[in-house]
Amino acid sequence: MFEILFAVIFFLVIGTFIINIGQGIGEWVSNNNSPRLTVTASVT
């Protein structure tokens, strides 16, 4: 019983890491494909 529970939790943790890595890469690609804004900014 413990082995099954350990395996389920292990795969959930690994799956969470893989999903986070995939979302990070997707956001990085999206940011690279978006236009670069060149506007003046003022500090107040």
N, C-alpha and C. Protein backbone atom coordinates (compact mmCIF):
# COMPACT_ATOMS: atom_id res chain seq x y z
N MET A 1 0.83 -1.21 0.00
CA MET A 1 0.00 0.00 0.00
C MET A 1 0.86 1.26 0.00
N PHE A 2 1.92 1.23 0.82
CA PHE A 2 2.78 2.41 0.91
C PHE A 2 3.50 2.67 -0.41
N GLU A 3 3.89 1.58 -1.09
CA GLU A 3 4.61 1.75 -2.36
C GLU A 3 3.73 2.44 -3.40
N ILE A 4 2.45 2.09 -3.42
CA ILE A 4 1.53 2.70 -4.38
C ILE A 4 1.35 4.18 -4.06
N LEU A 5 1.17 4.49 -2.78
CA LEU A 5 0.99 5.89 -2.38
C LEU A 5 2.23 6.70 -2.68
N PHE A 6 3.41 6.12 -2.40
CA PHE A 6 4.67 6.81 -2.68
C PHE A 6 4.82 7.09 -4.16
N ALA A 7 4.48 6.10 -5.00
CA ALA A 7 4.60 6.27 -6.45
C ALA A 7 3.65 7.35 -6.95
N VAL A 8 2.43 7.38 -6.44
CA VAL A 8 1.46 8.39 -6.88
C VAL A 8 1.94 9.78 -6.52
N ILE A 9 2.40 9.96 -5.29
CA ILE A 9 2.89 11.29 -4.86
C ILE A 9 4.13 11.68 -5.65
N PHE A 10 5.02 10.71 -5.89
CA PHE A 10 6.24 10.99 -6.65
C PHE A 10 5.90 11.48 -8.05
N PHE A 11 4.98 10.79 -8.72
CA PHE A 11 4.62 11.20 -10.09
C PHE A 11 3.86 12.51 -10.11
N LEU A 12 3.08 12.80 -9.07
CA LEU A 12 2.41 14.10 -8.99
C LEU A 12 3.42 15.23 -8.87
N VAL A 13 4.44 15.04 -8.05
CA VAL A 13 5.46 16.08 -7.88
C VAL A 13 6.25 16.27 -9.17
N ILE A 14 6.68 15.18 -9.78
CA ILE A 14 7.43 15.27 -11.04
C ILE A 14 6.56 15.89 -12.13
N GLY A 15 5.29 15.51 -12.19
CA GLY A 15 4.38 16.09 -13.18
C GLY A 15 4.19 17.58 -12.98
N THR A 16 4.13 18.02 -11.71
CA THR A 16 4.00 19.44 -11.43
C THR A 16 5.23 20.20 -11.93
N PHE A 17 6.41 19.64 -11.70
CA PHE A 17 7.63 20.29 -12.19
C PHE A 17 7.63 20.37 -13.71
N ILE A 18 7.22 19.32 -14.37
CA ILE A 18 7.22 19.31 -15.84
C ILE A 18 6.22 20.32 -16.38
N ILE A 19 5.05 20.41 -15.76
CA ILE A 19 4.05 21.39 -16.21
C ILE A 19 4.57 22.81 -16.01
N ASN A 20 5.20 23.08 -14.88
CA ASN A 20 5.74 24.42 -14.63
C ASN A 20 6.84 24.78 -15.62
N ILE A 21 7.68 23.82 -15.94
CA ILE A 21 8.75 24.07 -16.92
C ILE A 21 8.13 24.36 -18.29
N GLY A 22 7.12 23.58 -18.67
CA GLY A 22 6.46 23.80 -19.96
C GLY A 22 5.79 25.16 -20.03
N GLN A 23 5.13 25.57 -18.96
CA GLN A 23 4.48 26.89 -18.95
C GLN A 23 5.53 28.00 -19.00
N GLY A 24 6.64 27.82 -18.32
CA GLY A 24 7.70 28.83 -18.35
C GLY A 24 8.28 28.98 -19.74
N ILE A 25 8.50 27.87 -20.42
CA ILE A 25 9.03 27.94 -21.79
C ILE A 25 8.01 28.59 -22.72
N GLY A 26 6.73 28.27 -22.53
CA GLY A 26 5.69 28.90 -23.36
C GLY A 26 5.62 30.39 -23.14
N GLU A 27 5.75 30.84 -21.90
CA GLU A 27 5.73 32.28 -21.63
C GLU A 27 6.96 32.95 -22.21
N TRP A 28 8.11 32.29 -22.14
CA TRP A 28 9.34 32.85 -22.69
C TRP A 28 9.23 33.02 -24.20
N VAL A 29 8.68 32.02 -24.90
CA VAL A 29 8.50 32.11 -26.34
C VAL A 29 7.51 33.22 -26.68
N SER A 30 6.44 33.33 -25.90
CA SER A 30 5.44 34.37 -26.13
C SER A 30 6.05 35.75 -25.96
N ASN A 31 6.87 35.92 -24.94
CA ASN A 31 7.52 37.21 -24.72
C ASN A 31 8.50 37.54 -25.83
N ASN A 32 9.20 36.53 -26.34
CA ASN A 32 10.14 36.79 -27.43
C ASN A 32 9.44 37.15 -28.72
N ASN A 33 8.22 36.65 -28.92
CA ASN A 33 7.49 36.93 -30.15
C ASN A 33 6.70 38.24 -30.09
N SER A 34 6.55 38.81 -28.91
CA SER A 34 5.79 40.06 -28.79
C SER A 34 6.66 41.24 -29.20
N PRO A 35 6.04 42.30 -29.70
CA PRO A 35 6.84 43.46 -30.15
C PRO A 35 7.50 44.16 -28.96
N ARG A 36 8.67 44.70 -29.23
CA ARG A 36 9.40 45.43 -28.20
C ARG A 36 8.94 46.88 -28.21
N LEU A 37 8.55 47.37 -27.04
CA LEU A 37 8.07 48.74 -26.93
C LEU A 37 9.23 49.67 -26.62
N THR A 38 9.30 50.77 -27.35
CA THR A 38 10.32 51.77 -27.08
C THR A 38 9.59 53.09 -26.80
N VAL A 39 9.28 53.30 -25.55
CA VAL A 39 8.59 54.51 -25.14
C VAL A 39 9.40 55.17 -24.03
N THR A 40 9.26 56.46 -23.91
CA THR A 40 9.97 57.16 -22.84
C THR A 40 9.22 56.99 -21.53
N ALA A 41 9.98 56.91 -20.50
CA ALA A 41 9.39 56.73 -19.17
C ALA A 41 9.92 57.81 -18.24
N SER A 42 9.09 58.21 -17.29
CA SER A 42 9.56 59.20 -16.31
C SER A 42 9.41 58.62 -14.93
N VAL A 43 10.39 58.91 -14.09
CA VAL A 43 10.37 58.44 -12.71
C VAL A 43 9.80 59.55 -11.87
N THR A 44 8.80 59.24 -11.10
CA THR A 44 8.18 60.27 -10.26
C THR A 44 8.52 60.05 -8.80
